[in-house]
Amino acid sequence: MILLKSDDFNKILEHARKELPDEACGLIAGEINGEDKIIKKVYLLTNIDHSNEHFSLDPKEQLAAIKDMRALGLTPLGNWHSHPESPSRPSDEDKRLAYDSKASYMILSLMDNENPVLNSFKIEGNNAEKENLVIE
């Protein structure tokens, strides 16, 4: 299970809406407790591709986020990005670029801007398995 605070969900949502029509992206960090991942901090990064179909994290921002995680004693848990015009599921490109099978890949769909959908996935090769995401 993945636990995300509603404040952090709103932070992701606000950033994703601000970045429209481009995809927004970032990292998630926290603690692992048995099978559960508890997100303690969400990082909002720049999509240096400035595209509505794919993203690349800004390397300098990514390094700063990793340093911050270490300083706070947090574990990197994965990343998140938005799909401005498609469902909350991994695209073929998302699967191809998912190098860490232990990471969580969160995807926020803004296809229906009034009803955003956030899902989290474990991706290994061409297989994407939906994780149980709880927003509290």
Protein backbone atom coordinates (compact mmCIF):
# COMPACT_ATOMS: atom_id res chain seq x y z
CA MET A 1 0.00 0.00 0.00
CA ILE A 2 1.09 3.58 -0.66
CA LEU A 3 -0.04 6.30 1.74
CA LEU A 4 -0.21 9.89 0.50
CA LYS A 5 -1.42 12.86 2.54
CA SER A 6 -4.22 14.84 0.90
CA ASP A 7 -2.09 18.01 1.22
CA ASP A 8 0.61 16.33 -0.88
CA PHE A 9 -1.96 15.13 -3.41
CA ASN A 10 -3.20 18.73 -3.71
CA LYS A 11 0.39 19.95 -4.11
CA ILE A 12 0.89 17.53 -7.03
CA LEU A 13 -2.47 18.45 -8.55
CA GLU A 14 -1.85 22.19 -8.32
CA HIS A 15 1.60 21.86 -9.93
CA ALA A 16 0.23 19.63 -12.71
CA ARG A 17 -2.55 22.08 -13.52
CA LYS A 18 -0.08 24.98 -13.50
CA GLU A 19 2.13 23.17 -16.03
CA LEU A 20 -0.67 22.46 -18.52
CA PRO A 21 -0.58 21.76 -21.42
CA ASP A 22 2.76 20.08 -20.57
CA GLU A 23 3.28 17.04 -18.39
CA ALA A 24 4.40 17.87 -14.87
CA CYS A 25 6.76 15.65 -12.90
CA GLY A 26 8.53 15.10 -9.62
CA LEU A 27 9.79 12.65 -7.05
CA ILE A 28 8.33 11.04 -3.94
CA ALA A 29 10.20 10.12 -0.77
CA GLY A 30 9.36 8.70 2.63
CA GLU A 31 9.55 5.49 4.61
CA ILE A 32 9.04 1.82 3.90
CA ASN A 33 7.22 -0.08 6.64
CA GLY A 34 6.92 -3.74 5.66
CA GLU A 35 4.87 -3.74 2.45
CA ASP A 36 3.71 -0.14 2.97
CA LYS A 37 5.28 2.98 1.51
CA ILE A 38 4.53 6.14 3.47
CA ILE A 39 5.13 9.29 1.44
CA LYS A 40 6.59 11.99 3.66
CA LYS A 41 7.66 14.48 0.99
CA VAL A 42 6.69 15.28 -2.58
CA TYR A 43 9.14 17.06 -4.86
CA LEU A 44 7.92 19.25 -7.73
CA LEU A 45 10.50 19.26 -10.53
CA THR A 46 10.76 20.85 -13.95
CA ASN A 47 9.91 18.85 -17.07
CA ILE A 48 12.83 19.94 -19.23
CA ASP A 49 11.14 18.39 -22.31
CA HIS A 50 8.25 20.88 -22.04
CA SER A 51 6.00 18.33 -23.74
CA ASN A 52 2.44 17.10 -23.24
CA GLU A 53 3.46 13.54 -24.17
CA HIS A 54 6.63 12.85 -22.18
CA PHE A 55 8.87 14.21 -19.46
CA SER A 56 12.47 14.37 -18.34
CA LEU A 57 13.33 15.47 -14.81
CA ASP A 58 15.67 18.45 -14.52
CA PRO A 59 18.99 16.80 -13.49
CA LYS A 60 20.06 19.63 -11.15
CA GLU A 61 16.68 19.64 -9.40
CA GLN A 62 16.74 15.84 -9.20
CA LEU A 63 20.18 15.89 -7.55
CA ALA A 64 19.05 18.59 -5.09
CA ALA A 65 15.96 16.50 -4.22
CA ILE A 66 18.09 13.38 -3.58
CA LYS A 67 20.45 15.41 -1.36
CA ASP A 68 17.43 16.75 0.55
CA MET A 69 16.05 13.21 0.99
CA ARG A 70 19.39 12.06 2.41
CA ALA A 71 19.59 15.06 4.75
CA LEU A 72 16.08 14.30 6.04
CA GLY A 73 16.70 10.55 6.34
CA LEU A 74 14.03 9.75 3.74
CA THR A 75 14.04 6.87 1.27
CA PRO A 76 13.49 7.60 -2.44
CA LEU A 77 10.20 5.85 -3.27
CA GLY A 78 9.69 6.71 -6.93
CA ASN A 79 8.39 9.46 -9.14
CA TRP A 80 5.17 11.01 -10.34
CA HIS A 81 4.08 12.68 -13.54
CA SER A 82 0.89 13.91 -15.12
CA HIS A 83 -0.95 12.84 -18.24
CA PRO A 84 -2.71 16.01 -19.45
CA GLU A 85 -4.77 14.24 -22.13
CA SER A 86 -4.68 10.51 -21.37
CA PRO A 87 -5.74 8.07 -18.63
CA SER A 88 -3.85 7.36 -15.40
CA ARG A 89 -1.98 4.33 -16.68
CA PRO A 90 1.59 3.84 -17.92
CA SER A 91 2.16 4.54 -21.59
CA ASP A 92 4.52 2.33 -23.61
CA GLU A 93 7.19 5.02 -23.12
CA ASP A 94 6.54 5.09 -19.35
CA LYS A 95 7.11 1.32 -19.25
CA ARG A 96 10.22 1.50 -21.41
CA LEU A 97 11.77 4.18 -19.16
CA ALA A 98 10.85 2.52 -15.84
CA TYR A 99 14.30 1.26 -14.86
CA ASP A 100 13.68 0.57 -11.17
CA SER A 101 11.29 -2.31 -10.48
CA LYS A 102 11.20 -1.37 -6.75
CA ALA A 103 10.05 2.21 -7.46
CA SER A 104 6.49 3.44 -7.47
CA TYR A 105 5.40 5.28 -10.59
CA MET A 106 2.50 7.62 -9.85
CA ILE A 107 0.47 8.98 -12.77
CA LEU A 108 -2.04 11.81 -12.46
CA SER A 109 -4.58 12.04 -15.28
CA LEU A 110 -6.04 15.46 -16.00
CA MET A 111 -8.05 14.17 -18.95
CA ASP A 112 -11.18 15.18 -17.03
CA ASN A 113 -9.86 18.30 -15.29
CA GLU A 114 -12.79 18.35 -12.85
CA ASN A 115 -12.14 14.75 -11.79
CA PRO A 116 -8.39 14.12 -11.71
CA VAL A 117 -7.30 10.51 -11.22
CA LEU A 118 -4.07 9.49 -9.47
CA ASN A 119 -2.84 5.91 -9.60
CA SER A 120 0.44 4.29 -8.63
CA PHE A 121 2.13 1.42 -10.43
CA LYS A 122 4.97 -1.06 -10.05
CA ILE A 123 6.52 -1.52 -13.47
CA GLU A 124 8.77 -4.38 -14.51
CA GLY A 125 9.53 -4.74 -18.18
CA ASN A 126 6.27 -4.48 -20.06
CA ASN A 127 4.15 -5.33 -17.00
CA ALA A 128 2.50 -2.61 -14.94
CA GLU A 129 0.75 -3.60 -11.73
CA LYS A 130 -1.51 -1.09 -10.00
CA GLU A 131 -0.61 -0.44 -6.36
CA ASN A 132 -3.12 0.21 -3.61
CA LEU A 133 -2.91 4.01 -3.19
CA VAL A 134 -4.59 5.58 -0.16
CA ILE A 135 -4.96 9.38 0.00
CA GLU A 136 -5.70 10.52 3.54
